[in-house]
PDB file of N, CA and C in Angstrom:
ATOM      1  N   MET A   1       0.840  -1.183  -0.018  1.00  0.00           N
ATOM      2  CA  MET A   1      -0.002   0.007  -0.020  1.00  0.00           C
ATOM      3  C   MET A   1       0.882   1.240  -0.030  1.00  0.00           C
ATOM      4  N   PHE A   2       0.457   2.280  -0.698  1.00  0.00           N
ATOM      5  CA  PHE A   2       1.228   3.430  -0.851  1.00  0.00           C
ATOM      6  C   PHE A   2       0.990   4.443   0.354  1.00  0.00           C
ATOM      7  N   HIS A   3       2.066   5.171   0.651  1.00  0.00           N
ATOM      8  CA  HIS A   3       1.907   6.245   1.575  1.00  0.00           C
ATOM      9  C   HIS A   3       0.934   7.276   1.052  1.00  0.00           C
ATOM     10  N   LYS A   4       0.218   8.012   1.936  1.00  0.00           N
ATOM     11  CA  LYS A   4      -0.832   8.884   1.403  1.00  0.00           C
ATOM     12  C   LYS A   4      -0.259  10.002   0.566  1.00  0.00           C
ATOM     13  N   ASN A   5       0.919  10.500   0.838  1.00  0.00           N
ATOM     14  CA  ASN A   5       1.527  11.564   0.049  1.00  0.00           C
ATOM     15  C   ASN A   5       2.074  11.039  -1.268  1.00  0.00           C
ATOM     16  N   PHE A   6       2.467   9.791  -1.278  1.00  0.00           N
ATOM     17  CA  PHE A   6       2.959   9.190  -2.508  1.00  0.00           C
ATOM     18  C   PHE A   6       1.861   9.110  -3.603  1.00  0.00           C
ATOM     19  N   LYS A   7       0.609   8.905  -3.160  1.00  0.00           N
ATOM     20  CA  LYS A   7      -0.476   8.902  -4.097  1.00  0.00           C
ATOM     21  C   LYS A   7      -0.616  10.293  -4.779  1.00  0.00           C
ATOM     22  N   LEU A   8      -0.437  11.305  -4.012  1.00  0.00           N
ATOM     23  CA  LEU A   8      -0.540  12.678  -4.577  1.00  0.00           C
ATOM     24  C   LEU A   8       0.584  12.986  -5.528  1.00  0.00           C
ATOM     25  N   ILE A   9       1.805  12.472  -5.224  1.00  0.00           N
ATOM     26  CA  ILE A   9       2.945  12.647  -6.129  1.00  0.00           C
ATOM     27  C   ILE A   9       2.704  11.932  -7.463  1.00  0.00           C
ATOM     28  N   ILE A  10       2.210  10.728  -7.408  1.00  0.00           N
ATOM     29  CA  ILE A  10       1.888   9.979  -8.576  1.00  0.00           C
ATOM     30  C   ILE A  10       0.800  10.701  -9.396  1.00  0.00           C
ATOM     31  N   ALA A  11      -0.193  11.250  -8.742  1.00  0.00           N
ATOM     32  CA  ALA A  11      -1.266  11.978  -9.462  1.00  0.00           C
ATOM     33  C   ALA A  11      -0.652  13.212 -10.115  1.00  0.00           C
ATOM     34  N   ALA A  12       0.256  13.923  -9.437  1.00  0.00           N
ATOM     35  CA  ALA A  12       0.899  15.098 -10.061  1.00  0.00           C
ATOM     36  C   ALA A  12       1.705  14.717 -11.282  1.00  0.00           C
ATOM     37  N   LEU A  13       2.463  13.626 -11.191  1.00  0.00           N
ATOM     38  CA  LEU A  13       3.234  13.173 -12.330  1.00  0.00           C
ATOM     39  C   LEU A  13       2.400  12.783 -13.516  1.00  0.00           C
ATOM     40  N   ILE A  14       1.309  12.081 -13.255  1.00  0.00           N
ATOM     41  CA  ILE A  14       0.412  11.701 -14.323  1.00  0.00           C
ATOM     42  C   ILE A  14      -0.258  12.871 -14.914  1.00  0.00           C
ATOM     43  N   THR A  15      -0.606  13.923 -14.113  1.00  0.00           N
ATOM     44  CA  THR A  15      -1.183  15.153 -14.588  1.00  0.00           C
ATOM     45  C   THR A  15      -0.217  15.854 -15.494  1.00  0.00           C
ATOM     46  N   ALA A  16       1.064  15.887 -15.121  1.00  0.00           N
ATOM     47  CA  ALA A  16       2.076  16.488 -16.000  1.00  0.00           C
ATOM     48  C   ALA A  16       2.189  15.761 -17.335  1.00  0.00           C
ATOM     49  N   TRP A  17       2.063  14.459 -17.279  1.00  0.00           N
ATOM     50  CA  TRP A  17       2.112  13.631 -18.533  1.00  0.00           C
ATOM     51  C   TRP A  17       0.907  13.953 -19.353  1.00  0.00           C
ATOM     52  N   SER A  18      -0.216  14.192 -18.704  1.00  0.00           N
ATOM     53  CA  SER A  18      -1.438  14.564 -19.446  1.00  0.00           C
ATOM     54  C   SER A  18      -1.299  15.898 -20.157  1.00  0.00           C
ATOM     55  N   VAL A  19      -0.668  16.880 -19.438  1.00  0.00           N
ATOM     56  CA  VAL A  19      -0.453  18.229 -20.040  1.00  0.00           C
ATOM     57  C   VAL A  19       0.478  18.061 -21.225  1.00  0.00           C
ATOM     58  N   PHE A  20       1.504  17.218 -21.133  1.00  0.00           N
ATOM     59  CA  PHE A  20       2.371  16.962 -22.253  1.00  0.00           C
ATOM     60  C   PHE A  20       1.598  16.409 -23.476  1.00  0.00           C
ATOM     61  N   GLU A  21       0.678  15.481 -23.174  1.00  0.00           N
ATOM     62  CA  GLU A  21      -0.094  14.915 -24.269  1.00  0.00           C
ATOM     63  C   GLU A  21      -1.009  15.979 -24.885  1.00  0.00           C
ATOM     64  N   PHE A  22      -1.583  16.863 -24.093  1.00  0.00           N
ATOM     65  CA  PHE A  22      -2.385  17.949 -24.618  1.00  0.00           C
ATOM     66  C   PHE A  22      -1.536  18.910 -25.521  1.00  0.00           C
ATOM     67  N   SER A  23      -0.297  19.138 -25.084  1.00  0.00           N
ATOM     68  CA  SER A  23       0.580  20.025 -25.854  1.00  0.00           C
ATOM     69  C   SER A  23       0.991  19.422 -27.181  1.00  0.00           C
ATOM     70  N   GLN A  24       0.990  18.130 -27.274  1.00  0.00           N
ATOM     71  CA  GLN A  24       1.315  17.370 -28.511  1.00  0.00           C
ATOM     72  C   GLN A  24       0.080  17.168 -29.400  1.00  0.00           C
ATOM     73  N   VAL A  25      -1.025  17.729 -28.978  1.00  0.00           N
ATOM     74  CA  VAL A  25      -2.333  17.661 -29.698  1.00  0.00           C
ATOM     75  C   VAL A  25      -2.861  16.268 -29.737  1.00  0.00           C
ATOM     76  N   HIS A  26      -2.621  15.514 -28.707  1.00  0.00           N
ATOM     77  CA  HIS A  26      -3.227  14.171 -28.551  1.00  0.00           C
ATOM     78  C   HIS A  26      -4.311  14.363 -27.464  1.00  0.00           C
ATOM     79  N   ILE A  27      -5.406  14.938 -27.843  1.00  0.00           N
ATOM     80  CA  ILE A  27      -6.457  15.337 -26.891  1.00  0.00           C
ATOM     81  C   ILE A  27      -7.053  14.112 -26.183  1.00  0.00           C
ATOM     82  N   MET A  28      -7.352  13.131 -26.880  1.00  0.00           N
ATOM     83  CA  MET A  28      -7.994  11.947 -26.253  1.00  0.00           C
ATOM     84  C   MET A  28      -7.074  11.253 -25.284  1.00  0.00           C
ATOM     85  N   ASN A  29      -5.783  11.133 -25.667  1.00  0.00           N
ATOM     86  CA  ASN A  29      -4.814  10.593 -24.730  1.00  0.00           C
ATOM     87  C   ASN A  29      -4.747  11.417 -23.445  1.00  0.00           C
ATOM     88  N   GLY A  30      -4.686  12.740 -23.655  1.00  0.00           N
ATOM     89  CA  GLY A  30      -4.629  13.619 -22.482  1.00  0.00           C
ATOM     90  C   GLY A  30      -5.814  13.493 -21.592  1.00  0.00           C
ATOM     91  N   ILE A  31      -7.028  13.355 -22.121  1.00  0.00           N
ATOM     92  CA  ILE A  31      -8.218  13.187 -21.315  1.00  0.00           C
ATOM     93  C   ILE A  31      -8.158  11.874 -20.578  1.00  0.00           C
ATOM     94  N   SER A  32      -7.743  10.819 -21.286  1.00  0.00           N
ATOM     95  CA  SER A  32      -7.746   9.468 -20.666  1.00  0.00           C
ATOM     96  C   SER A  32      -6.683   9.387 -19.495  1.00  0.00           C
ATOM     97  N   ILE A  33      -5.584  10.038 -19.750  1.00  0.00           N
ATOM     98  CA  ILE A  33      -4.496  10.060 -18.766  1.00  0.00           C
ATOM     99  C   ILE A  33      -4.934  10.913 -17.590  1.00  0.00           C
ATOM    100  N   LEU A  34      -5.676  11.976 -17.821  1.00  0.00           N
ATOM    101  CA  LEU A  34      -6.155  12.817 -16.729  1.00  0.00           C
ATOM    102  C   LEU A  34      -7.173  12.079 -15.867  1.00  0.00           C
ATOM    103  N   LEU A  35      -7.961  11.211 -16.452  1.00  0.00           N
ATOM    104  CA  LEU A  35      -8.912  10.352 -15.692  1.00  0.00           C
ATOM    105  C   LEU A  35      -8.144   9.376 -14.845  1.00  0.00           C
ATOM    106  N   LEU A  36      -7.000   8.912 -15.352  1.00  0.00           N
ATOM    107  CA  LEU A  36      -6.118   8.057 -14.567  1.00  0.00           C
ATOM    108  C   LEU A  36      -5.612   8.726 -13.343  1.00  0.00           C
ATOM    109  N   ALA A  37      -5.219  10.033 -13.461  1.00  0.00           N
ATOM    110  CA  ALA A  37      -4.760  10.805 -12.338  1.00  0.00           C
ATOM    111  C   ALA A  37      -5.894  10.990 -11.326  1.00  0.00           C
ATOM    112  N   GLY A  38      -7.125  11.110 -11.833  1.00  0.00           N
ATOM    113  CA  GLY A  38      -8.288  11.254 -10.957  1.00  0.00           C
ATOM    114  C   GLY A  38      -8.446  10.001 -10.059  1.00  0.00           C
ATOM    115  N   ILE A  39      -8.111   8.866 -10.532  1.00  0.00           N
ATOM    116  CA  ILE A  39      -8.216   7.607  -9.696  1.00  0.00           C
ATOM    117  C   ILE A  39      -7.283   7.677  -8.544  1.00  0.00           C
ATOM    118  N   PHE A  40      -6.081   8.178  -8.744  1.00  0.00           N
ATOM    119  CA  PHE A  40      -5.148   8.270  -7.612  1.00  0.00           C
ATOM    120  C   PHE A  40      -5.618   9.361  -6.589  1.00  0.00           C
ATOM    121  N   ILE A  41      -6.205  10.425  -7.120  1.00  0.00           N
ATOM    122  CA  ILE A  41      -6.731  11.434  -6.169  1.00  0.00           C
ATOM    123  C   ILE A  41      -7.913  10.898  -5.408  1.00  0.00           C
ATOM    124  N   LEU A  42      -8.739  10.123  -6.046  1.00  0.00           N
ATOM    125  CA  LEU A  42      -9.861   9.453  -5.372  1.00  0.00           C
ATOM    126  C   LEU A  42      -9.367   8.527  -4.316  1.00  0.00           C
ATOM    127  N   LEU A  43      -8.317   7.733  -4.636  1.00  0.00           N
ATOM    128  CA  LEU A  43      -7.798   6.819  -3.637  1.00  0.00           C
ATOM    129  C   LEU A  43      -7.059   7.538  -2.486  1.00  0.00           C
ATOM    130  N   TYR A  44      -6.681   8.768  -2.695  1.00  0.00           N
ATOM    131  CA  TYR A  44      -6.097   9.552  -1.565  1.00  0.00           C
ATOM    132  C   TYR A  44      -7.210   9.834  -0.564  1.00  0.00           C
ATOM    133  N   PHE A  45      -8.375  10.156  -0.980  1.00  0.00           N
ATOM    134  CA  PHE A  45      -9.452  10.554  -0.071  1.00  0.00           C
ATOM    135  C   PHE A  45     -10.274   9.333   0.415  1.00  0.00           C
ATOM    136  N   LYS A  46     -10.330   8.292  -0.425  1.00  0.00           N
ATOM    137  CA  LYS A  46     -11.052   7.079  -0.020  1.00  0.00           C
ATOM    138  C   LYS A  46     -10.134   5.901  -0.127  1.00  0.00           C
ATOM    139  N   ASN A  47      -9.661   5.417   0.946  1.00  0.00           N
ATOM    140  CA  ASN A  47      -8.660   4.359   0.964  1.00  0.00           C
ATOM    141  C   ASN A  47      -9.313   3.065   0.442  1.00  0.00           C
ATOM    142  N   GLU A  48      -8.597   2.333  -0.420  1.00  0.00           N
ATOM    143  CA  GLU A  48      -9.176   1.235  -1.084  1.00  0.00           C
ATOM    144  C   GLU A  48      -9.398   0.039  -0.125  1.00  0.00           C
ATOM    145  N   PHE A  49      -8.536  -0.142   0.849  1.00  0.00           N
ATOM    146  CA  PHE A  49      -8.679  -1.258   1.790  1.00  0.00           C
ATOM    147  C   PHE A  49      -9.851  -0.990   2.752  1.00  0.00           C
ATOM    148  N   ILE A  50     -10.069   0.201   3.128  1.00  0.00           N
ATOM    149  CA  ILE A  50     -11.214   0.571   3.996  1.00  0.00           C
ATOM    150  C   ILE A  50     -12.490   0.359   3.237  1.00  0.00           C
ATOM    151  N   LEU A  51     -12.524   0.717   1.966  1.00  0.00           N
ATOM    152  CA  LEU A  51     -13.747   0.503   1.141  1.00  0.00           C
ATOM    153  C   LEU A  51     -14.029  -0.974   1.011  1.00  0.00           C
ATOM    154  N   LEU A  52     -13.001  -1.796   0.823  1.00  0.00           N
ATOM    155  CA  LEU A  52     -13.217  -3.240   0.694  1.00  0.00           C
ATOM    156  C   LEU A  52     -13.615  -3.876   2.024  1.00  0.00           C
ATOM    157  N   ALA A  53     -13.112  -3.312   3.165  1.00  0.00           N
ATOM    158  CA  ALA A  53     -13.512  -3.827   4.478  1.00  0.00           C
ATOM    159  C   ALA A  53     -14.995  -3.479   4.774  1.00  0.00           C
ATOM    160  N   PHE A  54     -15.476  -2.300   4.376  1.00  0.00           N
ATOM    161  CA  PHE A  54     -16.837  -1.916   4.506  1.00  0.00           C
ATOM    162  C   PHE A  54     -17.725  -2.840   3.658  1.00  0.00           C
ATOM    163  N   LEU A  55     -17.262  -3.196   2.482  1.00  0.00           N
ATOM    164  CA  LEU A  55     -18.047  -4.109   1.621  1.00  0.00           C
ATOM    165  C   LEU A  55     -18.180  -5.461   2.283  1.00  0.00           C
ATOM    166  N   GLN A  56     -17.130  -5.970   2.940  1.00  0.00           N
ATOM    167  CA  GLN A  56     -17.171  -7.214   3.608  1.00  0.00           C
ATOM    168  C   GLN A  56     -18.082  -7.185   4.822  1.00  0.00           C
ATOM    169  N   LEU A  57     -18.103  -6.034   5.567  1.00  0.00           N
ATOM    170  CA  LEU A  57     -18.974  -5.908   6.702  1.00  0.00           C
ATOM    171  C   LEU A  57     -20.418  -5.837   6.262  1.00  0.00           C
ATOM    172  N   ARG A  58     -20.683  -5.310   5.113  1.00  0.00           N
ATOM    173  CA  ARG A  58     -22.042  -5.234   4.550  1.00  0.00           C
ATOM    174  C   ARG A  58     -22.552  -6.639   4.336  1.00  0.00           C
ATOM    175  N   LYS A  59     -21.662  -7.551   3.972  1.00  0.00           N
ATOM    176  CA  LYS A  59     -22.038  -8.943   3.782  1.00  0.00           C
ATOM    177  C   LYS A  59     -21.979  -9.779   5.054  1.00  0.00           C
ATOM    178  N   GLN A  60     -21.705  -9.069   6.185  1.00  0.00           N
ATOM    179  CA  GLN A  60     -21.523  -9.756   7.495  1.00  0.00           C
ATOM    180  C   GLN A  60     -20.378 -10.756   7.489  1.00  0.00           C
ATOM    181  N   ASN A  61     -19.331 -10.461   6.743  1.00  0.00           N
ATOM    182  CA  ASN A  61     -18.161 -11.313   6.676  1.00  0.00           C
ATOM    183  C   ASN A  61     -17.050 -10.624   7.503  1.00  0.00           C
ATOM    184  N   PHE A  62     -17.036 -10.895   8.832  1.00  0.00           N
ATOM    185  CA  PHE A  62     -16.082 -10.257   9.713  1.00  0.00           C
ATOM    186  C   PHE A  62     -14.637 -10.729   9.436  1.00  0.00           C
ATOM    187  N   PRO A  63     -14.365 -12.028   9.208  1.00  0.00           N
ATOM    188  CA  PRO A  63     -12.994 -12.411   8.948  1.00  0.00           C
ATOM    189  C   PRO A  63     -12.473 -11.737   7.642  1.00  0.00           C
ATOM    190  N   GLY A  64     -13.301 -11.614   6.654  1.00  0.00           N
ATOM    191  CA  GLY A  64     -12.946 -10.948   5.396  1.00  0.00           C
ATOM    192  C   GLY A  64     -12.560  -9.454   5.621  1.00  0.00           C
ATOM    193  N   ALA A  65     -13.382  -8.802   6.404  1.00  0.00           N
ATOM    194  CA  ALA A  65     -13.112  -7.386   6.728  1.00  0.00           C
ATOM    195  C   ALA A  65     -11.835  -7.271   7.549  1.00  0.00           C
ATOM    196  N   GLN A  66     -11.598  -8.189   8.440  1.00  0.00           N
ATOM    197  CA  GLN A  66     -10.376  -8.173   9.248  1.00  0.00           C
ATOM    198  C   GLN A  66      -9.174  -8.353   8.335  1.00  0.00           C
ATOM    199  N   LYS A  67      -9.289  -9.193   7.354  1.00  0.00           N
ATOM    200  CA  LYS A  67      -8.197  -9.499   6.388  1.00  0.00           C
ATOM    201  C   LYS A  67      -7.836  -8.172   5.613  1.00  0.00           C
ATOM    202  N   TRP A  68      -8.840  -7.473   5.155  1.00  0.00           N
ATOM    203  CA  TRP A  68      -8.578  -6.241   4.371  1.00  0.00           C
ATOM    204  C   TRP A  68      -8.005  -5.199   5.243  1.00  0.00           C
ATOM    205  N   LEU A  69      -8.436  -5.074   6.514  1.00  0.00           N
ATOM    206  CA  LEU A  69      -7.841  -4.071   7.395  1.00  0.00           C
ATOM    207  C   LEU A  69      -6.409  -4.454   7.822  1.00  0.00           C
ATOM    208  N   GLY A  70      -6.134  -5.753   7.726  1.00  0.00           N
ATOM    209  CA  GLY A  70      -4.771  -6.200   8.073  1.00  0.00           C
ATOM    210  C   GLY A  70      -3.713  -5.730   7.073  1.00  0.00           C
ATOM    211  N   TYR A  71      -4.164  -5.383   5.864  1.00  0.00           N
ATOM    212  CA  TYR A  71      -3.202  -4.868   4.864  1.00  0.00           C
ATOM    213  C   TYR A  71      -2.731  -3.472   5.201  1.00  0.00           C
ATOM    214  N   ILE A  72      -3.379  -2.753   6.029  1.00  0.00           N
ATOM    215  CA  ILE A  72      -2.915  -1.404   6.425  1.00  0.00           C
ATOM    216  C   ILE A  72      -1.973  -1.580   7.613  1.00  0.00           C
ATOM    217  N   LYS A  73      -0.699  -1.441   7.338  1.00  0.00           N
ATOM    218  CA  LYS A  73       0.338  -1.709   8.366  1.00  0.00           C
ATOM    219  C   LYS A  73       0.570  -0.493   9.254  1.00  0.00           C
ATOM    220  N   ASN A  74       0.626   0.708   8.744  1.00  0.00           N
ATOM    221  CA  ASN A  74       0.871   1.902   9.511  1.00  0.00           C
ATOM    222  C   ASN A  74      -0.228   2.895   9.216  1.00  0.00           C
ATOM    223  N   PRO A  75      -1.334   2.873  10.027  1.00  0.00           N
ATOM    224  CA  PRO A  75      -2.482   3.726   9.668  1.00  0.00           C
ATOM    225  C   PRO A  75      -2.154   5.196   9.659  1.00  0.00           C
ATOM    226  N   SER A  76      -1.310   5.647  10.568  1.00  0.00           N
ATOM    227  CA  SER A  76      -1.060   7.082  10.646  1.00  0.00           C
ATOM    228  C   SER A  76      -0.317   7.611   9.387  1.00  0.00           C
ATOM    229  N   ALA A  77       0.497   6.784   8.793  1.00  0.00           N
ATOM    230  CA  ALA A  77       1.213   7.197   7.584  1.00  0.00           C
ATOM    231  C   ALA A  77       0.404   7.004   6.292  1.00  0.00           C
ATOM    232  N   ALA A  78      -0.411   5.909   6.294  1.00  0.00           N
ATOM    233  CA  ALA A  78      -1.098   5.588   5.064  1.00  0.00           C
ATOM    234  C   ALA A  78      -2.479   6.241   4.908  1.00  0.00           C
ATOM    235  N   LEU A  79      -3.041   6.694   6.049  1.00  0.00           N
ATOM    236  CA  LEU A  79      -4.447   7.223   6.003  1.00  0.00           C
ATOM    237  C   LEU A  79      -4.494   8.658   6.471  1.00  0.00           C
ATOM    238  N   THR A  80      -5.496   9.363   5.948  1.00  0.00           N
ATOM    239  CA  THR A  80      -5.776  10.685   6.388  1.00  0.00           C
ATOM    240  C   THR A  80      -6.429  10.592   7.752  1.00  0.00           C
ATOM    241  N   LYS A  81      -6.618  11.743   8.446  1.00  0.00           N
ATOM    242  CA  LYS A  81      -7.145  11.727   9.772  1.00  0.00           C
ATOM    243  C   LYS A  81      -8.603  11.110   9.773  1.00  0.00           C
ATOM    244  N   LYS A  82      -9.385  11.533   8.847  1.00  0.00           N
ATOM    245  CA  LYS A  82     -10.723  11.001   8.766  1.00  0.00           C
ATOM    246  C   LYS A  82     -10.751   9.457   8.550  1.00  0.00           C
ATOM    247  N   GLN A  83      -9.869   9.028   7.682  1.00  0.00           N
ATOM    248  CA  GLN A  83      -9.757   7.562   7.408  1.00  0.00           C
ATOM    249  C   GLN A  83      -9.258   6.811   8.611  1.00  0.00           C
ATOM    250  N   GLU A  84      -8.409   7.391   9.393  1.00  0.00           N
ATOM    251  CA  GLU A  84      -8.002   6.741  10.684  1.00  0.00           C
ATOM    252  C   GLU A  84      -9.157   6.486  11.565  1.00  0.00           C
ATOM    253  N   GLY A  85     -10.051   7.447  11.625  1.00  0.00           N
ATOM    254  CA  GLY A  85     -11.321   7.286  12.401  1.00  0.00           C
ATOM    255  C   GLY A  85     -12.117   6.083  11.934  1.00  0.00           C
ATOM    256  N   TYR A  86     -12.253   5.992  10.597  1.00  0.00           N
ATOM    257  CA  TYR A  86     -13.003   4.810  10.033  1.00  0.00           C
ATOM    258  C   TYR A  86     -12.259   3.492  10.334  1.00  0.00           C
ATOM    259  N   TYR A  87     -10.933   3.566  10.228  1.00  0.00           N
ATOM    260  CA  TYR A  87     -10.113   2.382  10.546  1.00  0.00           C
ATOM    261  C   TYR A  87     -10.294   1.862  11.960  1.00  0.00           C
ATOM    262  N   ASN A  88     -10.255   2.856  12.890  1.00  0.00           N
ATOM    263  CA  ASN A  88     -10.473   2.470  14.317  1.00  0.00           C
ATOM    264  C   ASN A  88     -11.905   2.054  14.590  1.00  0.00           C
ATOM    265  N   PHE A  89     -12.835   2.691  13.911  1.00  0.00           N
ATOM    266  CA  PHE A  89     -14.279   2.269  13.999  1.00  0.00           C
ATOM    267  C   PHE A  89     -14.495   0.854  13.576  1.00  0.00           C
ATOM    268  N   LEU A  90     -13.931   0.573  12.444  1.00  0.00           N
ATOM    269  CA  LEU A  90     -14.092  -0.854  11.940  1.00  0.00           C
ATOM    270  C   LEU A  90     -13.433  -1.882  12.880  1.00  0.00           C
ATOM    271  N   HIS A  91     -12.265  -1.531  13.361  1.00  0.00           N
ATOM    272  CA  HIS A  91     -11.618  -2.475  14.333  1.00  0.00           C
ATOM    273  C   HIS A  91     -12.509  -2.621  15.569  1.00  0.00           C
ATOM    274  N   GLY A  92     -13.075  -1.496  16.064  1.00  0.00           N
ATOM    275  CA  GLY A  92     -13.918  -1.543  17.215  1.00  0.00           C
ATOM    276  C   GLY A  92     -15.185  -2.387  17.003  1.00  0.00           C
ATOM    277  N   ILE A  93     -15.794  -2.282  15.842  1.00  0.00           N
ATOM    278  CA  ILE A  93     -16.978  -3.062  15.561  1.00  0.00           C
ATOM    279  C   ILE A  93     -16.621  -4.559  15.510  1.00  0.00           C
ATOM    280  N   MET A  94     -15.505  -4.914  14.869  1.00  0.00           N
ATOM    281  CA  MET A  94     -15.193  -6.272  14.792  1.00  0.00           C
ATOM    282  C   MET A  94     -14.769  -6.870  16.173  1.00  0.00           C
ATOM    283  N   LEU A  95     -14.080  -6.100  16.980  1.00  0.00           N
ATOM    284  CA  LEU A  95     -13.648  -6.588  18.278  1.00  0.00           C
ATOM    285  C   LEU A  95     -14.850  -6.626  19.254  1.00  0.00           C
ATOM    286  N   SER A  96     -15.873  -5.862  19.003  1.00  0.00           N
ATOM    287  CA  SER A  96     -17.040  -5.852  19.918  1.00  0.00           C
ATOM    288  C   SER A  96     -17.730  -7.216  19.918  1.00  0.00           C
ATOM    289  N   GLN A  97     -17.517  -8.010  18.902  1.00  0.00           N
ATOM    290  CA  GLN A  97     -18.131  -9.377  18.861  1.00  0.00           C
ATOM    291  C   GLN A  97     -17.380 -10.331  19.788  1.00  0.00           C
ATOM    292  N   THR A  98     -16.147 -10.075  20.094  1.00  0.00           N
ATOM    293  CA  THR A  98     -15.356 -10.985  20.892  1.00  0.00           C
ATOM    294  C   THR A  98     -14.831 -10.381  22.195  1.00  0.00           C
ATOM    295  N   ASN A  99     -14.236  -9.206  22.167  1.00  0.00           N
ATOM    296  CA  ASN A  99     -13.589  -8.603  23.338  1.00  0.00           C
ATOM    297  C   ASN A  99     -14.020  -7.137  23.441  1.00  0.00           C
ATOM    298  N   ILE A 100     -14.951  -6.849  24.375  1.00  0.00           N
ATOM    299  CA  ILE A 100     -15.501  -5.540  24.456  1.00  0.00           C
ATOM    300  C   ILE A 100     -14.552  -4.491  25.001  1.00  0.00           C
ATOM    301  N   THR A 101     -13.538  -4.919  25.787  1.00  0.00           N
ATOM    302  CA  THR A 101     -12.611  -3.934  26.367  1.00  0.00           C
ATOM    303  C   THR A 101     -11.645  -3.422  25.324  1.00  0.00           C
ATOM    304  N   LYS A 102     -11.157  -4.295  24.462  1.00  0.00           N
ATOM    305  CA  LYS A 102     -10.312  -3.851  23.361  1.00  0.00           C
ATOM    306  C   LYS A 102     -11.130  -2.980  22.354  1.00  0.00           C
ATOM    307  N   ALA A 103     -12.394  -3.377  22.177  1.00  0.00           N
ATOM    308  CA  ALA A 103     -13.246  -2.649  21.243  1.00  0.00           C
ATOM    309  C   ALA A 103     -13.469  -1.211  21.748  1.00  0.00           C
ATOM    310  N   GLU A 104     -13.587  -1.072  23.023  1.00  0.00           N
ATOM    311  CA  GLU A 104     -13.801   0.236  23.625  1.00  0.00           C
ATOM    312  C   GLU A 104     -12.613   1.168  23.332  1.00  0.00           C
ATOM    313  N   LYS A 105     -11.406   0.587  23.351  1.00  0.00           N
ATOM    314  CA  LYS A 105     -10.205   1.363  23.079  1.00  0.00           C
ATOM    315  C   LYS A 105     -10.248   1.905  21.642  1.00  0.00           C
ATOM    316  N   TYR A 106     -10.568   1.059  20.748  1.00  0.00           N
ATOM    317  CA  TYR A 106     -10.588   1.507  19.303  1.00  0.00           C
ATOM    318  C   TYR A 106     -11.730   2.411  19.057  1.00  0.00           C
ATOM    319  N   LEU A 107     -12.894   2.292  19.666  1.00  0.00           N
ATOM    320  CA  LEU A 107     -14.020   3.149  19.482  1.00  0.00           C
ATOM    321  C   LEU A 107     -13.727   4.554  20.053  1.00  0.00           C
ATOM    322  N   LYS A 108     -13.049   4.616  21.197  1.00  0.00           N
ATOM    323  CA  LYS A 108     -12.661   5.935  21.719  1.00  0.00           C
ATOM    324  C   LYS A 108     -11.680   6.631  20.821  1.00  0.00           C
ATOM    325  N   LYS A 109     -10.738   5.876  20.185  1.00  0.00           N
ATOM    326  CA  LYS A 109      -9.813   6.478  19.263  1.00  0.00           C
ATOM    327  C   LYS A 109     -10.582   6.992  18.047  1.00  0.00           C
ATOM    328  N   ALA A 110     -11.602   6.256  17.618  1.00  0.00           N
ATOM    329  CA  ALA A 110     -12.365   6.645  16.469  1.00  0.00           C
ATOM    330  C   ALA A 110     -13.113   7.954  16.695  1.00  0.00           C
ATOM    331  N   ILE A 111     -13.570   8.219  17.928  1.00  0.00           N
ATOM    332  CA  ILE A 111     -14.266   9.415  18.220  1.00  0.00           C
ATOM    333  C   ILE A 111     -13.332  10.611  18.135  1.00  0.00           C
ATOM    334  N   LYS A 112     -12.073  10.450  18.540  1.00  0.00           N
ATOM    335  CA  LYS A 112     -11.103  11.586  18.448  1.00  0.00           C
ATOM    336  C   LYS A 112     -10.839  11.869  16.995  1.00  0.00           C
TER     337      LYS A 112
END
């Protein structure tokens, strides 16, 4: 998984490539490449692993959601502040099924 700032750097480089394509009068290539940069910007604001974990929770698949959250090794570096709240909230929900004291710790972090 990429660091959150690395995603923005990739989006900036792809946008520069898109501007180059526009300057070479390859308009359709420039538009397509600009949409590719938009995907990286979207993934900066909406983390892909959190989205997949929410999808698994919607299906009531707690082990699957835990697996997707396990891919996030360092939440403070990889996630924005809002996404860290979702990360802690999801951990709290999953731990509330087994260990309520650990779940309380994560849910209090999610509130902050």
